[in-house]
Amino acid sequence: MLTKPGLLLRIEGGVLLAVSLLFYRESHSSWTLFAALFLSPDLSFLGYLGGVKVGAAAYNIVHTSTVPLILIGYSILAAHPALVPYGLIWIGHIGLDRMLGFGLKYPTRFNDTHLQHT
């Protein structure tokens, strides 16, 4: 198992989803908000209307954990706790995608992902 990066990335995604759900529950935030926004990162698919390179870039910036983790860190350090649920929803979405085997996109074609190259 430790020599199968694709499997490890799927497990990591599942853990990321589970931890984000746990923290979201602990934040006592609205589950209606969670349901309404959980799939919103997939709107980045609209970038593909501008071509494969634009689409891959749009998808990748929204489907890496960097920006939502910065959002969570900022919300904690700047004492804006109302922003934390948005970061957790975003992280949960990324975790689900990884768990299901959806990877970051290469600018060659939509189905060419980093999980296929592991």
N, C-alpha and C. Protein backbone atom coordinates (compact mmCIF):
# COMPACT_ATOMS: atom_id res chain seq x y z
N MET A 1 0.82 -1.19 0.00
CA MET A 1 0.00 0.00 0.00
C MET A 1 0.86 1.26 0.00
N LEU A 2 1.94 1.28 0.72
CA LEU A 2 2.78 2.48 0.81
C LEU A 2 3.52 2.78 -0.48
N THR A 3 3.46 1.88 -1.43
CA THR A 3 4.10 2.11 -2.72
C THR A 3 3.07 2.41 -3.81
N LYS A 4 1.85 2.71 -3.41
CA LYS A 4 0.78 3.04 -4.36
C LYS A 4 0.31 4.47 -4.10
N PRO A 5 0.98 5.45 -4.72
CA PRO A 5 0.65 6.86 -4.46
C PRO A 5 -0.82 7.20 -4.72
N GLY A 6 -1.41 6.63 -5.76
CA GLY A 6 -2.82 6.92 -6.06
C GLY A 6 -3.72 6.53 -4.90
N LEU A 7 -3.48 5.37 -4.32
CA LEU A 7 -4.27 4.91 -3.17
C LEU A 7 -4.02 5.80 -1.96
N LEU A 8 -2.75 6.15 -1.73
CA LEU A 8 -2.43 7.03 -0.60
C LEU A 8 -3.11 8.39 -0.74
N LEU A 9 -3.15 8.93 -1.97
CA LEU A 9 -3.80 10.22 -2.19
C LEU A 9 -5.31 10.13 -1.97
N ARG A 10 -5.91 8.99 -2.32
CA ARG A 10 -7.35 8.80 -2.06
C ARG A 10 -7.62 8.70 -0.56
N ILE A 11 -6.78 7.98 0.16
CA ILE A 11 -6.92 7.88 1.62
C ILE A 11 -6.75 9.26 2.24
N GLU A 12 -5.74 9.97 1.81
CA GLU A 12 -5.50 11.33 2.31
C GLU A 12 -6.72 12.21 2.06
N GLY A 13 -7.32 12.09 0.89
CA GLY A 13 -8.52 12.86 0.58
C GLY A 13 -9.67 12.53 1.51
N GLY A 14 -9.85 11.25 1.80
CA GLY A 14 -10.90 10.84 2.73
C GLY A 14 -10.69 11.39 4.13
N VAL A 15 -9.45 11.38 4.56
CA VAL A 15 -9.12 11.94 5.88
C VAL A 15 -9.35 13.45 5.89
N LEU A 16 -8.97 14.11 4.82
CA LEU A 16 -9.19 15.55 4.71
C LEU A 16 -10.68 15.88 4.78
N LEU A 17 -11.49 15.12 4.08
CA LEU A 17 -12.94 15.31 4.14
C LEU A 17 -13.46 15.09 5.55
N ALA A 18 -13.06 13.98 6.17
CA ALA A 18 -13.55 13.65 7.51
C ALA A 18 -13.15 14.72 8.54
N VAL A 19 -11.92 15.18 8.48
CA VAL A 19 -11.46 16.20 9.44
C VAL A 19 -12.18 17.52 9.21
N SER A 20 -12.40 17.88 7.94
CA SER A 20 -13.12 19.13 7.68
C SER A 20 -14.56 19.05 8.18
N LEU A 21 -15.19 17.89 8.03
CA LEU A 21 -16.55 17.71 8.55
C LEU A 21 -16.58 17.79 10.08
N LEU A 22 -15.59 17.19 10.71
CA LEU A 22 -15.50 17.23 12.17
C LEU A 22 -15.35 18.67 12.67
N PHE A 23 -14.41 19.40 12.08
CA PHE A 23 -14.21 20.79 12.49
C PHE A 23 -15.42 21.66 12.15
N TYR A 24 -16.07 21.37 11.03
CA TYR A 24 -17.26 22.14 10.66
C TYR A 24 -18.36 21.92 11.70
N ARG A 25 -18.54 20.68 12.10
CA ARG A 25 -19.54 20.39 13.14
C ARG A 25 -19.20 21.11 14.44
N GLU A 26 -17.93 21.11 14.80
CA GLU A 26 -17.49 21.78 16.02
C GLU A 26 -17.64 23.29 15.95
N SER A 27 -17.67 23.84 14.74
CA SER A 27 -17.81 25.29 14.59
C SER A 27 -19.28 25.73 14.73
N HIS A 28 -20.18 24.75 14.81
CA HIS A 28 -21.62 25.03 14.94
C HIS A 28 -22.14 25.92 13.81
N SER A 29 -21.59 25.73 12.63
CA SER A 29 -22.01 26.51 11.47
C SER A 29 -23.22 25.85 10.82
N SER A 30 -23.84 26.57 9.92
CA SER A 30 -25.06 26.13 9.26
C SER A 30 -24.79 25.00 8.27
N TRP A 31 -25.51 23.90 8.42
CA TRP A 31 -25.40 22.80 7.48
C TRP A 31 -26.08 23.16 6.16
N THR A 32 -27.00 24.10 6.19
CA THR A 32 -27.60 24.60 4.95
C THR A 32 -26.53 25.31 4.13
N LEU A 33 -25.69 26.11 4.79
CA LEU A 33 -24.57 26.77 4.12
C LEU A 33 -23.63 25.73 3.53
N PHE A 34 -23.34 24.70 4.30
CA PHE A 34 -22.45 23.64 3.83
C PHE A 34 -23.01 23.00 2.56
N ALA A 35 -24.30 22.64 2.59
CA ALA A 35 -24.93 22.00 1.43
C ALA A 35 -24.96 22.93 0.23
N ALA A 36 -25.21 24.20 0.47
CA ALA A 36 -25.30 25.16 -0.63
C ALA A 36 -23.95 25.40 -1.30
N LEU A 37 -22.85 25.35 -0.54
CA LEU A 37 -21.55 25.71 -1.09
C LEU A 37 -20.62 24.53 -1.39
N PHE A 38 -20.98 23.34 -0.97
CA PHE A 38 -20.05 22.21 -1.05
C PHE A 38 -19.57 21.94 -2.47
N LEU A 39 -20.42 22.05 -3.44
CA LEU A 39 -20.02 21.77 -4.82
C LEU A 39 -19.61 23.03 -5.60
N SER A 40 -19.66 24.18 -4.96
CA SER A 40 -19.36 25.43 -5.67
C SER A 40 -17.94 25.49 -6.27
N PRO A 41 -16.92 24.85 -5.69
CA PRO A 41 -15.62 24.90 -6.36
C PRO A 41 -15.64 24.31 -7.77
N ASP A 42 -16.62 23.46 -8.06
CA ASP A 42 -16.69 22.87 -9.39
C ASP A 42 -17.13 23.87 -10.45
N LEU A 43 -17.56 25.05 -10.04
CA LEU A 43 -17.84 26.10 -11.02
C LEU A 43 -16.57 26.51 -11.77
N SER A 44 -15.43 26.13 -11.24
CA SER A 44 -14.17 26.42 -11.93
C SER A 44 -14.08 25.69 -13.27
N PHE A 45 -14.94 24.70 -13.48
CA PHE A 45 -15.00 24.02 -14.78
C PHE A 45 -15.32 25.00 -15.90
N LEU A 46 -15.96 26.09 -15.56
CA LEU A 46 -16.31 27.10 -16.57
C LEU A 46 -15.06 27.67 -17.24
N GLY A 47 -13.93 27.56 -16.56
CA GLY A 47 -12.67 28.01 -17.16
C GLY A 47 -12.35 27.29 -18.46
N TYR A 48 -12.87 26.07 -18.60
CA TYR A 48 -12.63 25.32 -19.83
C TYR A 48 -13.30 25.95 -21.04
N LEU A 49 -14.20 26.88 -20.82
CA LEU A 49 -14.78 27.63 -21.94
C LEU A 49 -13.72 28.49 -22.62
N GLY A 50 -12.66 28.81 -21.88
CA GLY A 50 -11.54 29.59 -22.41
C GLY A 50 -10.43 28.72 -22.97
N GLY A 51 -10.62 27.44 -23.03
CA GLY A 51 -9.62 26.51 -23.54
C GLY A 51 -9.05 25.65 -22.44
N VAL A 52 -8.27 24.67 -22.86
CA VAL A 52 -7.74 23.67 -21.91
C VAL A 52 -6.75 24.29 -20.92
N LYS A 53 -5.89 25.19 -21.37
CA LYS A 53 -4.91 25.79 -20.46
C LYS A 53 -5.59 26.66 -19.41
N VAL A 54 -6.52 27.48 -19.83
CA VAL A 54 -7.25 28.33 -18.89
C VAL A 54 -8.08 27.47 -17.95
N GLY A 55 -8.74 26.45 -18.49
CA GLY A 55 -9.56 25.57 -17.67
C GLY A 55 -8.75 24.83 -16.63
N ALA A 56 -7.60 24.29 -17.04
CA ALA A 56 -6.74 23.57 -16.09
C ALA A 56 -6.26 24.51 -14.99
N ALA A 57 -5.86 25.72 -15.36
CA ALA A 57 -5.38 26.69 -14.36
C ALA A 57 -6.50 27.06 -13.39
N ALA A 58 -7.69 27.33 -13.92
CA ALA A 58 -8.83 27.70 -13.06
C ALA A 58 -9.18 26.55 -12.12
N TYR A 59 -9.24 25.35 -12.66
CA TYR A 59 -9.58 24.17 -11.85
C TYR A 59 -8.52 23.97 -10.76
N ASN A 60 -7.26 24.03 -11.13
CA ASN A 60 -6.18 23.75 -10.19
C ASN A 60 -6.09 24.76 -9.06
N ILE A 61 -6.29 26.05 -9.35
CA ILE A 61 -6.19 27.05 -8.28
C ILE A 61 -7.31 26.85 -7.26
N VAL A 62 -8.44 26.35 -7.70
CA VAL A 62 -9.58 26.16 -6.81
C VAL A 62 -9.54 24.78 -6.13
N HIS A 63 -8.78 23.85 -6.69
CA HIS A 63 -8.76 22.49 -6.15
C HIS A 63 -7.43 22.11 -5.49
N THR A 64 -6.69 23.11 -5.04
CA THR A 64 -5.55 22.85 -4.16
C THR A 64 -5.89 23.43 -2.79
N SER A 65 -5.31 22.90 -1.77
CA SER A 65 -5.67 23.31 -0.41
C SER A 65 -5.02 24.62 0.02
N THR A 66 -4.14 25.18 -0.78
CA THR A 66 -3.41 26.38 -0.40
C THR A 66 -4.32 27.56 -0.06
N VAL A 67 -5.21 27.92 -0.96
CA VAL A 67 -6.05 29.10 -0.74
C VAL A 67 -7.02 28.90 0.43
N PRO A 68 -7.72 27.77 0.53
CA PRO A 68 -8.60 27.63 1.69
C PRO A 68 -7.85 27.58 3.03
N LEU A 69 -6.65 27.02 3.04
CA LEU A 69 -5.87 27.01 4.28
C LEU A 69 -5.41 28.43 4.64
N ILE A 70 -5.05 29.22 3.63
CA ILE A 70 -4.71 30.63 3.89
C ILE A 70 -5.94 31.36 4.43
N LEU A 71 -7.11 31.09 3.85
CA LEU A 71 -8.35 31.71 4.33
C LEU A 71 -8.62 31.36 5.79
N ILE A 72 -8.46 30.09 6.15
CA ILE A 72 -8.67 29.67 7.54
C ILE A 72 -7.65 30.33 8.46
N GLY A 73 -6.38 30.32 8.04
CA GLY A 73 -5.34 30.95 8.85
C GLY A 73 -5.59 32.43 9.04
N TYR A 74 -5.96 33.12 7.98
CA TYR A 74 -6.27 34.54 8.09
C TYR A 74 -7.44 34.77 9.03
N SER A 75 -8.48 33.96 8.88
CA SER A 75 -9.68 34.17 9.70
C SER A 75 -9.38 33.97 11.19
N ILE A 76 -8.46 33.09 11.50
CA ILE A 76 -8.09 32.87 12.90
C ILE A 76 -7.19 34.00 13.40
N LEU A 77 -6.15 34.32 12.61
CA LEU A 77 -5.20 35.35 13.04
C LEU A 77 -5.81 36.75 13.08
N ALA A 78 -6.74 37.03 12.18
CA ALA A 78 -7.35 38.36 12.12
C ALA A 78 -8.65 38.43 12.92
N ALA A 79 -8.94 37.38 13.64
CA ALA A 79 -10.14 37.32 14.49
C ALA A 79 -11.43 37.56 13.68
N HIS A 80 -11.51 36.86 12.55
CA HIS A 80 -12.72 36.86 11.73
C HIS A 80 -13.25 35.43 11.64
N PRO A 81 -13.73 34.88 12.74
CA PRO A 81 -14.11 33.47 12.76
C PRO A 81 -15.25 33.13 11.80
N ALA A 82 -15.99 34.11 11.34
CA ALA A 82 -17.09 33.83 10.41
C ALA A 82 -16.59 33.29 9.07
N LEU A 83 -15.30 33.46 8.78
CA LEU A 83 -14.74 32.97 7.53
C LEU A 83 -14.31 31.51 7.60
N VAL A 84 -14.11 30.99 8.79
CA VAL A 84 -13.62 29.62 8.95
C VAL A 84 -14.53 28.59 8.26
N PRO A 85 -15.85 28.67 8.40
CA PRO A 85 -16.69 27.66 7.74
C PRO A 85 -16.49 27.59 6.23
N TYR A 86 -16.23 28.72 5.59
CA TYR A 86 -16.02 28.73 4.14
C TYR A 86 -14.76 27.95 3.77
N GLY A 87 -13.71 28.14 4.54
CA GLY A 87 -12.49 27.38 4.30
C GLY A 87 -12.68 25.90 4.54
N LEU A 88 -13.43 25.56 5.58
CA LEU A 88 -13.67 24.14 5.88
C LEU A 88 -14.52 23.46 4.80
N ILE A 89 -15.51 24.17 4.29
CA ILE A 89 -16.33 23.62 3.20
C ILE A 89 -15.45 23.38 1.98
N TRP A 90 -14.61 24.34 1.68
CA TRP A 90 -13.72 24.26 0.53
C TRP A 90 -12.75 23.08 0.66
N ILE A 91 -12.15 22.95 1.85
CA ILE A 91 -11.23 21.83 2.11
C ILE A 91 -11.97 20.49 2.01
N GLY A 92 -13.19 20.45 2.53
CA GLY A 92 -13.98 19.22 2.44
C GLY A 92 -14.24 18.82 0.99
N HIS A 93 -14.53 19.80 0.14
CA HIS A 93 -14.75 19.51 -1.27
C HIS A 93 -13.49 18.93 -1.92
N ILE A 94 -12.36 19.53 -1.63
CA ILE A 94 -11.10 19.05 -2.18
C ILE A 94 -10.83 17.63 -1.70
N GLY A 95 -11.10 17.36 -0.43
CA GLY A 95 -10.92 16.02 0.11
C GLY A 95 -11.80 15.00 -0.59
N LEU A 96 -13.06 15.35 -0.83
CA LEU A 96 -13.96 14.44 -1.53
C LEU A 96 -13.45 14.16 -2.94
N ASP A 97 -13.03 15.21 -3.63
CA ASP A 97 -12.51 15.01 -4.98
C ASP A 97 -11.33 14.05 -5.00
N ARG A 98 -10.38 14.24 -4.08
CA ARG A 98 -9.22 13.35 -4.04
C ARG A 98 -9.62 11.92 -3.69
N MET A 99 -10.55 11.79 -2.75
CA MET A 99 -11.01 10.47 -2.35
C MET A 99 -11.65 9.73 -3.54
N LEU A 100 -12.35 10.47 -4.38
CA LEU A 100 -13.01 9.88 -5.55
C LEU A 100 -12.07 9.71 -6.74
N GLY A 101 -10.84 10.19 -6.59
CA GLY A 101 -9.86 10.01 -7.64
C GLY A 101 -9.77 11.14 -8.64
N PHE A 102 -10.36 12.29 -8.32
CA PHE A 102 -10.25 13.45 -9.21
C PHE A 102 -8.99 14.22 -8.84
N GLY A 103 -8.12 14.36 -9.80
CA GLY A 103 -6.86 15.02 -9.52
C GLY A 103 -6.74 16.38 -10.17
N LEU A 104 -5.62 17.03 -9.92
CA LEU A 104 -5.31 18.31 -10.55
C LEU A 104 -5.09 18.06 -12.04
N LYS A 105 -5.42 19.05 -12.83
CA LYS A 105 -5.44 18.89 -14.28
C LYS A 105 -4.14 19.36 -14.93
N TYR A 106 -3.73 18.63 -15.95
CA TYR A 106 -2.65 19.07 -16.83
C TYR A 106 -3.30 19.83 -17.99
N PRO A 107 -2.55 20.74 -18.61
CA PRO A 107 -3.14 21.54 -19.69
C PRO A 107 -3.18 20.81 -21.04
N THR A 108 -3.29 19.51 -21.00
CA THR A 108 -3.35 18.72 -22.23
C THR A 108 -4.79 18.34 -22.59
N ARG A 109 -5.50 17.76 -21.63
CA ARG A 109 -6.91 17.43 -21.80
C ARG A 109 -7.51 17.27 -20.41
N PHE A 110 -8.81 17.37 -20.32
CA PHE A 110 -9.50 17.39 -19.03
C PHE A 110 -9.20 16.15 -18.19
N ASN A 111 -9.15 14.99 -18.79
CA ASN A 111 -8.97 13.74 -18.03
C ASN A 111 -7.52 13.44 -17.68
N ASP A 112 -6.60 14.28 -18.07
CA ASP A 112 -5.18 14.07 -17.75
C ASP A 112 -4.89 14.73 -16.41
N THR A 113 -4.80 13.90 -15.34
CA THR A 113 -4.66 14.43 -13.98
C THR A 113 -3.40 13.91 -13.29
N HIS A 114 -3.06 14.57 -12.19
CA HIS A 114 -1.87 14.16 -11.44
C HIS A 114 -2.05 12.78 -10.81
N LEU A 115 -3.25 12.34 -10.60
CA LEU A 115 -3.46 11.02 -10.02
C LEU A 115 -3.17 9.91 -11.01
N GLN A 116 -3.23 10.20 -12.29
CA GLN A 116 -2.90 9.21 -13.31
C GLN A 116 -1.40 9.04 -13.44
N HIS A 117 -0.64 9.97 -12.95
CA HIS A 117 0.81 9.94 -13.09
C HIS A 117 1.49 9.52 -11.80
N THR A 118 0.74 8.89 -10.90
CA THR A 118 1.33 8.47 -9.62
C THR A 118 1.63 7.00 -9.63
